[in-house]
Structures are given as C-alpha cells and as structure tokens.
Amino acid sequence: MDRPDIKRAERTALRVQARALDVAEAMADPDLVTRANDGYLRLRIGAGLTSGGAKPVDAFDELLARIAAPTGAGDRQDG
C-alpha cells in the first residue's frame, strides 16, 4: 500500500517498533510485549493507521457513554 502522506522517518519508526514487538514476542517477555505493542499502536495512531481510519475507542469513555445513555420506556433497571 502506497501512503505518500507517511514520510520516510515515520515509516522507519513503524518498522523499527514492529521489529521491537517481534523481538519481545520471541523472548516471551509479557512486560516487553506490552510496552512494545503500546509503542507500536501509538505510532500507528499517530500515522493515521487505525482500523478503518476510525477514532480509537477509549474503554472508559465507552463505559461512561453507556452509563449516561437514557433507557427506553420498557427497560427496567430494578430487576
């Protein structure tokens, strides 16, 4: 996929971070995998490479939206 909007340095950073994730997985170190994955996902988001170009969902924001959503007239909250 050709993405002229992603410059050479950014592509390099993505490749390097993806490699760091591969190495962490090969080492079977859950802490390193978590940190490498976080770094890689942050780079992807920064490059606009999130799934379908959609805004990433923050789990806490989603929970608050569910709590604040009005319930339907037929919904019962007490039982």
C-alpha atoms as a PDB file:
ATOM      1  CA  MET A   1       0.000   0.000   0.000  1.00  0.00           C
ATOM      2  CA  ASP A   2       1.471   3.311  -1.041  1.00  0.00           C
ATOM      3  CA  ARG A   3       0.962   6.066   1.531  1.00  0.00           C
ATOM      4  CA  PRO A   4       2.719   9.242   0.390  1.00  0.00           C
ATOM      5  CA  ASP A   5       1.373  11.021   3.480  1.00  0.00           C
ATOM      6  CA  ILE A   6       3.577   8.813   5.688  1.00  0.00           C
ATOM      7  CA  LYS A   7       7.096  10.122   5.353  1.00  0.00           C
ATOM      8  CA  ARG A   8      10.275   8.080   5.361  1.00  0.00           C
ATOM      9  CA  ALA A   9      11.184   8.710   9.013  1.00  0.00           C
ATOM     10  CA  GLU A  10       7.705   7.754  10.191  1.00  0.00           C
ATOM     11  CA  ARG A  11       7.750   4.547   8.104  1.00  0.00           C
ATOM     12  CA  THR A  12      11.144   3.717   9.567  1.00  0.00           C
ATOM     13  CA  ALA A  13       9.878   4.281  13.107  1.00  0.00           C
ATOM     14  CA  LEU A  14       6.927   1.981  12.430  1.00  0.00           C
ATOM     15  CA  ARG A  15       9.201  -0.748  11.066  1.00  0.00           C
ATOM     16  CA  VAL A  16      11.631  -0.456  13.980  1.00  0.00           C
ATOM     17  CA  GLN A  17       8.837  -0.592  16.543  1.00  0.00           C
ATOM     18  CA  ALA A  18       7.234  -3.563  14.779  1.00  0.00           C
ATOM     19  CA  ARG A  19      10.603  -5.318  14.952  1.00  0.00           C
ATOM     20  CA  ALA A  20      10.867  -4.498  18.666  1.00  0.00           C
ATOM     21  CA  LEU A  21       7.483  -6.143  19.140  1.00  0.00           C
ATOM     22  CA  ASP A  22       8.657  -9.239  17.220  1.00  0.00           C
ATOM     23  CA  VAL A  23      11.759  -9.478  19.412  1.00  0.00           C
ATOM     24  CA  ALA A  24       9.735  -9.057  22.613  1.00  0.00           C
ATOM     25  CA  GLU A  25       7.362 -11.822  21.490  1.00  0.00           C
ATOM     26  CA  ALA A  26      10.291 -14.103  20.633  1.00  0.00           C
ATOM     27  CA  MET A  27      11.686 -13.502  24.119  1.00  0.00           C
ATOM     28  CA  ALA A  28       8.267 -14.430  25.581  1.00  0.00           C
ATOM     29  CA  ASP A  29       8.503 -11.471  27.948  1.00  0.00           C
ATOM     30  CA  PRO A  30       4.969 -10.210  28.654  1.00  0.00           C
ATOM     31  CA  ASP A  31       6.164  -6.851  30.002  1.00  0.00           C
ATOM     32  CA  LEU A  32       8.297  -6.157  26.935  1.00  0.00           C
ATOM     33  CA  VAL A  33       5.488  -7.293  24.630  1.00  0.00           C
ATOM     34  CA  THR A  34       3.059  -4.946  26.352  1.00  0.00           C
ATOM     35  CA  ARG A  35       5.397  -1.960  26.155  1.00  0.00           C
ATOM     36  CA  ALA A  36       6.462  -2.669  22.569  1.00  0.00           C
ATOM     37  CA  ASN A  37       2.841  -3.127  21.500  1.00  0.00           C
ATOM     38  CA  ASP A  38       1.831   0.124  23.187  1.00  0.00           C
ATOM     39  CA  GLY A  39       4.603   1.980  21.375  1.00  0.00           C
ATOM     40  CA  TYR A  40       3.680   0.425  18.038  1.00  0.00           C
ATOM     41  CA  LEU A  41      -0.020   1.220  18.429  1.00  0.00           C
ATOM     42  CA  ARG A  42       0.759   4.813  19.398  1.00  0.00           C
ATOM     43  CA  LEU A  43       2.879   5.192  16.266  1.00  0.00           C
ATOM     44  CA  ARG A  44       0.091   3.694  14.133  1.00  0.00           C
ATOM     45  CA  ILE A  45      -2.463   6.063  15.620  1.00  0.00           C
ATOM     46  CA  GLY A  46      -0.122   8.996  15.059  1.00  0.00           C
ATOM     47  CA  ALA A  47       0.281   7.942  11.432  1.00  0.00           C
ATOM     48  CA  GLY A  48      -3.478   7.649  10.964  1.00  0.00           C
ATOM     49  CA  LEU A  49      -3.327   3.871  10.567  1.00  0.00           C
ATOM     50  CA  THR A  50      -6.071   2.919  12.988  1.00  0.00           C
ATOM     51  CA  SER A  51      -8.618   0.339  11.923  1.00  0.00           C
ATOM     52  CA  GLY A  52     -10.700   1.791   9.121  1.00  0.00           C
ATOM     53  CA  GLY A  53      -9.411   5.243   9.949  1.00  0.00           C
ATOM     54  CA  ALA A  54     -11.778   5.310  12.910  1.00  0.00           C
ATOM     55  CA  LYS A  55     -11.008   7.078  16.129  1.00  0.00           C
ATOM     56  CA  PRO A  56      -9.680   4.606  18.712  1.00  0.00           C
ATOM     57  CA  VAL A  57     -12.238   3.766  21.386  1.00  0.00           C
ATOM     58  CA  ASP A  58     -11.314   4.611  24.936  1.00  0.00           C
ATOM     59  CA  ALA A  59     -12.838   1.930  27.170  1.00  0.00           C
ATOM     60  CA  PHE A  60     -13.549   4.379  29.984  1.00  0.00           C
ATOM     61  CA  ASP A  61     -15.300   6.838  27.627  1.00  0.00           C
ATOM     62  CA  GLU A  62     -17.368   3.965  26.247  1.00  0.00           C
ATOM     63  CA  LEU A  63     -18.381   2.911  29.768  1.00  0.00           C
ATOM     64  CA  LEU A  64     -19.404   6.464  30.675  1.00  0.00           C
ATOM     65  CA  ALA A  65     -21.444   6.737  27.469  1.00  0.00           C
ATOM     66  CA  ARG A  66     -23.282   3.517  28.332  1.00  0.00           C
ATOM     67  CA  ILE A  67     -23.991   4.665  31.877  1.00  0.00           C
ATOM     68  CA  ALA A  68     -25.216   8.075  30.726  1.00  0.00           C
ATOM     69  CA  ALA A  69     -27.371   6.722  27.887  1.00  0.00           C
ATOM     70  CA  PRO A  70     -31.076   7.090  28.508  1.00  0.00           C
ATOM     71  CA  THR A  71     -33.005   3.871  28.979  1.00  0.00           C
ATOM     72  CA  GLY A  72     -36.068   3.053  26.931  1.00  0.00           C
ATOM     73  CA  ALA A  73     -39.554   3.261  28.435  1.00  0.00           C
ATOM     74  CA  GLY A  74     -39.797  -0.540  28.533  1.00  0.00           C
ATOM     75  CA  ASP A  75     -36.407  -1.056  30.147  1.00  0.00           C
ATOM     76  CA  ARG A  76     -36.468  -1.977  33.808  1.00  0.00           C
ATOM     77  CA  GLN A  77     -33.489  -1.097  35.944  1.00  0.00           C
ATOM     78  CA  ASP A  78     -34.777  -2.596  39.182  1.00  0.00           C
ATOM     79  CA  GLY A  79     -34.877  -6.212  38.434  1.00  0.00           C
END
